[in-house]
């Protein structure tokens, strides 16, 4: 749930950088990564959280199999 806040913060920072870049007299292509960096970081946080959640569910399921096998 906390990783969703990373995406929201990334959106706010991206809006700030886009606004600043559009106010420049000349559009600079070398700083185009500035708005997309925070969004990418937030997306990576969401992806890692999703993968860790799936992994912990799989570990929990495998532990259940181990105890079922030991009990029989």
Protein backbone atom coordinates (compact mmCIF):
# COMPACT_ATOMS: atom_id res chain seq x y z
CA UNK A 1 0.00 0.00 0.00
CA UNK A 2 2.87 2.38 0.76
CA UNK A 3 4.31 1.88 -2.70
CA UNK A 4 1.24 3.52 -4.22
CA UNK A 5 2.30 6.72 -2.51
CA UNK A 6 5.60 6.50 -4.39
CA UNK A 7 3.65 6.65 -7.66
CA UNK A 8 1.61 9.63 -6.44
CA UNK A 9 4.79 11.45 -5.40
CA UNK A 10 6.32 10.59 -8.78
CA UNK A 11 3.33 12.08 -10.57
CA UNK A 12 3.64 15.32 -8.59
CA UNK A 13 7.37 15.58 -9.34
CA UNK A 14 6.74 14.76 -13.03
CA UNK A 15 4.12 17.51 -13.27
CA UNK A 16 6.56 19.96 -11.67
CA UNK A 17 9.33 19.10 -14.13
CA UNK A 18 7.00 19.17 -17.14
CA UNK A 19 5.72 22.60 -16.10
CA UNK A 20 9.28 23.86 -15.62
CA UNK A 21 10.45 22.41 -18.93
CA UNK A 22 7.55 23.95 -20.85
CA UNK A 23 8.35 27.37 -19.37
CA UNK A 24 11.88 27.28 -20.80
CA UNK A 25 12.44 29.48 -23.81
CA UNK A 26 13.98 26.59 -25.73
CA UNK A 27 12.98 22.95 -25.25
CA UNK A 28 15.98 20.94 -24.12
CA UNK A 29 16.01 17.26 -25.08
CA UNK A 30 18.88 16.45 -22.73
CA UNK A 31 16.63 16.87 -19.65
CA UNK A 32 13.65 14.93 -20.97
CA UNK A 33 14.41 12.16 -18.46
CA UNK A 34 13.54 14.42 -15.50
CA UNK A 35 9.75 13.93 -15.62
CA UNK A 36 10.02 10.22 -16.38
CA UNK A 37 12.60 9.32 -13.73
CA UNK A 38 10.26 9.60 -10.71
CA UNK A 39 7.45 7.83 -12.56
CA UNK A 40 9.79 4.98 -13.44
CA UNK A 41 10.97 4.71 -9.85
CA UNK A 42 7.37 4.52 -8.61
CA UNK A 43 6.53 1.86 -11.19
CA UNK A 44 9.57 -0.17 -10.17
CA UNK A 45 8.47 0.06 -6.51
CA UNK A 46 5.02 -1.25 -7.43
CA UNK A 47 6.53 -4.09 -9.47
CA UNK A 48 8.91 -5.14 -6.68
CA UNK A 49 6.07 -5.03 -4.14
CA UNK A 50 3.92 -7.20 -6.40
CA UNK A 51 6.73 -9.73 -6.90
CA UNK A 52 7.48 -9.91 -3.16
CA UNK A 53 3.80 -10.46 -2.38
CA UNK A 54 3.60 -13.30 -4.92
CA UNK A 55 6.80 -14.86 -3.59
CA UNK A 56 5.63 -14.77 0.02
CA UNK A 57 2.35 -16.43 -0.99
CA UNK A 58 4.28 -19.16 -2.79
CA UNK A 59 6.56 -19.68 0.22
CA UNK A 60 3.53 -19.91 2.51
CA UNK A 61 1.96 -22.49 0.18
CA UNK A 62 5.16 -24.55 0.01
CA UNK A 63 5.53 -24.51 3.80
CA UNK A 64 1.99 -25.84 4.05
CA UNK A 65 2.91 -28.70 1.71
CA UNK A 66 5.99 -29.51 3.81
CA UNK A 67 4.03 -29.75 7.05
CA UNK A 68 1.31 -31.83 5.38
CA UNK A 69 3.98 -34.22 4.09
CA UNK A 70 5.70 -34.49 7.49
CA UNK A 71 2.40 -35.18 9.25
CA UNK A 72 1.63 -38.24 7.11
